[in-house]
Each structure stands twice: as structure tokens, then as C-alpha cells.
Amino acid sequence: MTPLGQKVKELRVAMGLTQQKLAEQAGVSQSLISALESGRRKYVGPQDITGLAASLEVPEDELWALIPGGRNDKRYIPIAGKV
């Protein structure tokens, strides 16, 4: 699991949200949440971070800090050290 995936899961569980509910609120798929939390997801988009941060009620910078290289506006942003 990546640091981002771990943080998303911790926040989601603390808020009492299912993966499906978080996905709906964040505007992403449930499969993205599942893959992110399990470590299968290797990339995210900036819109994913924006939606997750809003739904998890944390500043975007808190999630960006967990991504190697930090904030980025590329379409696909690696979330693991080596992909």
C-alpha cells in the first residue's frame, strides 16, 4: 500500500464511510478507491486528489504531500516511488 492509499483508508474508516460512499462523494469509481487502498493503483489524476480531499475533509496539500514529487497537474501522476 502506498502512503496515499493508507491515508485515504484511515480517513475513510474514521469518517465511517464505505468505499462506495467515498467514491460517490469524491466523483471517482469505487474500483479506484479499492485499488488505491490495496496498493494496486500506481497513478492518480489531480482531479482524483481534489475530490478525495474534499470528501475526506482535509486540505489537498495533506494528500499531495504523500505523493513522490508533490503537487502536479499531469494527467497521470505516479503515487509510488517506482512504477
C-alpha atoms as a PDB file:
ATOM      1  CA  MET A   1       0.000   0.000   0.000  1.00  0.00           C
ATOM      2  CA  THR A   2       1.230   3.489  -0.806  1.00  0.00           C
ATOM      3  CA  PRO A   3       1.258   6.248   1.819  1.00  0.00           C
ATOM      4  CA  LEU A   4      -1.606   7.915  -0.075  1.00  0.00           C
ATOM      5  CA  GLY A   5      -3.674   4.723  -0.081  1.00  0.00           C
ATOM      6  CA  GLN A   6      -3.051   4.187   3.599  1.00  0.00           C
ATOM      7  CA  LYS A   7      -4.089   7.759   4.451  1.00  0.00           C
ATOM      8  CA  VAL A   8      -7.242   7.563   2.339  1.00  0.00           C
ATOM      9  CA  LYS A   9      -8.248   4.329   4.076  1.00  0.00           C
ATOM     10  CA  GLU A  10      -7.518   5.719   7.557  1.00  0.00           C
ATOM     11  CA  LEU A  11      -9.581   8.851   6.893  1.00  0.00           C
ATOM     12  CA  ARG A  12     -12.407   6.944   5.218  1.00  0.00           C
ATOM     13  CA  VAL A  13     -12.722   4.460   8.088  1.00  0.00           C
ATOM     14  CA  ALA A  14     -12.518   7.238  10.693  1.00  0.00           C
ATOM     15  CA  MET A  15     -15.415   9.006   8.940  1.00  0.00           C
ATOM     16  CA  GLY A  16     -17.460   5.812   8.797  1.00  0.00           C
ATOM     17  CA  LEU A  17     -17.638   5.817   5.002  1.00  0.00           C
ATOM     18  CA  THR A  18     -17.748   2.779   2.763  1.00  0.00           C
ATOM     19  CA  GLN A  19     -15.556   2.735  -0.312  1.00  0.00           C
ATOM     20  CA  GLN A  20     -18.681   3.174  -2.422  1.00  0.00           C
ATOM     21  CA  LYS A  21     -19.903   6.192  -0.449  1.00  0.00           C
ATOM     22  CA  LEU A  22     -16.487   7.861  -0.604  1.00  0.00           C
ATOM     23  CA  ALA A  23     -16.308   7.189  -4.332  1.00  0.00           C
ATOM     24  CA  GLU A  24     -19.720   8.776  -4.892  1.00  0.00           C
ATOM     25  CA  GLN A  25     -18.810  11.846  -2.849  1.00  0.00           C
ATOM     26  CA  ALA A  26     -15.382  12.226  -4.481  1.00  0.00           C
ATOM     27  CA  GLY A  27     -16.614  11.700  -8.034  1.00  0.00           C
ATOM     28  CA  VAL A  28     -14.408   8.675  -8.640  1.00  0.00           C
ATOM     29  CA  SER A  29     -15.101   4.983  -9.111  1.00  0.00           C
ATOM     30  CA  GLN A  30     -15.298   2.520  -6.247  1.00  0.00           C
ATOM     31  CA  SER A  31     -12.656   0.463  -8.049  1.00  0.00           C
ATOM     32  CA  LEU A  32     -10.251   3.432  -7.845  1.00  0.00           C
ATOM     33  CA  ILE A  33     -10.738   3.598  -4.066  1.00  0.00           C
ATOM     34  CA  SER A  34     -10.299  -0.161  -3.712  1.00  0.00           C
ATOM     35  CA  ALA A  35      -7.155  -0.234  -5.872  1.00  0.00           C
ATOM     36  CA  LEU A  36      -5.715   2.817  -4.119  1.00  0.00           C
ATOM     37  CA  GLU A  37      -6.242   1.341  -0.657  1.00  0.00           C
ATOM     38  CA  SER A  38      -4.899  -2.084  -1.625  1.00  0.00           C
ATOM     39  CA  GLY A  39      -1.794  -0.727  -3.333  1.00  0.00           C
ATOM     40  CA  ARG A  40      -2.787  -1.866  -6.826  1.00  0.00           C
ATOM     41  CA  ARG A  41      -3.245   1.705  -8.053  1.00  0.00           C
ATOM     42  CA  LYS A  42       0.001   3.267  -9.277  1.00  0.00           C
ATOM     43  CA  TYR A  43      -1.308   6.558 -10.696  1.00  0.00           C
ATOM     44  CA  VAL A  44      -3.890   9.213  -9.845  1.00  0.00           C
ATOM     45  CA  GLY A  45      -5.039  12.363 -11.565  1.00  0.00           C
ATOM     46  CA  PRO A  46      -5.158  15.809  -9.996  1.00  0.00           C
ATOM     47  CA  GLN A  47      -8.965  15.696 -10.099  1.00  0.00           C
ATOM     48  CA  ASP A  48      -8.844  12.490  -8.022  1.00  0.00           C
ATOM     49  CA  ILE A  49      -6.849  14.258  -5.310  1.00  0.00           C
ATOM     50  CA  THR A  50      -9.206  17.246  -5.368  1.00  0.00           C
ATOM     51  CA  GLY A  51     -12.290  15.052  -4.995  1.00  0.00           C
ATOM     52  CA  LEU A  52     -10.781  12.836  -2.317  1.00  0.00           C
ATOM     53  CA  ALA A  53      -9.534  15.771  -0.248  1.00  0.00           C
ATOM     54  CA  ALA A  54     -12.936  17.477  -0.336  1.00  0.00           C
ATOM     55  CA  SER A  55     -14.801  14.293   0.556  1.00  0.00           C
ATOM     56  CA  LEU A  56     -12.362  13.372   3.329  1.00  0.00           C
ATOM     57  CA  GLU A  57     -12.470  16.946   4.642  1.00  0.00           C
ATOM     58  CA  VAL A  58      -8.707  17.512   4.534  1.00  0.00           C
ATOM     59  CA  PRO A  59      -6.631  20.119   2.690  1.00  0.00           C
ATOM     60  CA  GLU A  60      -5.453  18.948  -0.720  1.00  0.00           C
ATOM     61  CA  ASP A  61      -1.868  19.649   0.382  1.00  0.00           C
ATOM     62  CA  GLU A  62      -2.186  16.905   3.004  1.00  0.00           C
ATOM     63  CA  LEU A  63      -2.750  14.333   0.274  1.00  0.00           C
ATOM     64  CA  TRP A  64      -0.282  15.872  -2.191  1.00  0.00           C
ATOM     65  CA  ALA A  65       2.414  15.608   0.499  1.00  0.00           C
ATOM     66  CA  LEU A  66       2.091  11.806   0.304  1.00  0.00           C
ATOM     67  CA  ILE A  67       2.875  11.678  -3.418  1.00  0.00           C
ATOM     68  CA  PRO A  68       6.505  11.473  -4.554  1.00  0.00           C
ATOM     69  CA  GLY A  69       7.254  14.728  -6.343  1.00  0.00           C
ATOM     70  CA  GLY A  70       4.310  16.504  -4.726  1.00  0.00           C
ATOM     71  CA  ARG A  71       1.626  18.544  -6.478  1.00  0.00           C
ATOM     72  CA  ASN A  72       1.440  18.063 -10.199  1.00  0.00           C
ATOM     73  CA  ASP A  73      -1.003  18.876 -12.990  1.00  0.00           C
ATOM     74  CA  LYS A  74      -0.126  15.960 -15.276  1.00  0.00           C
ATOM     75  CA  ARG A  75      -2.943  13.658 -16.319  1.00  0.00           C
ATOM     76  CA  TYR A  76      -1.374  10.612 -14.636  1.00  0.00           C
ATOM     77  CA  ILE A  77       0.705  11.160 -11.509  1.00  0.00           C
ATOM     78  CA  PRO A  78       2.754   8.255 -10.078  1.00  0.00           C
ATOM     79  CA  ILE A  79       1.922   7.659  -6.427  1.00  0.00           C
ATOM     80  CA  ALA A  80       4.608   5.069  -5.721  1.00  0.00           C
ATOM     81  CA  GLY A  81       8.350   5.646  -5.663  1.00  0.00           C
ATOM     82  CA  LYS A  82       8.964   3.317  -8.606  1.00  0.00           C
ATOM     83  CA  VAL A  83       6.286   2.342 -11.091  1.00  0.00           C
END
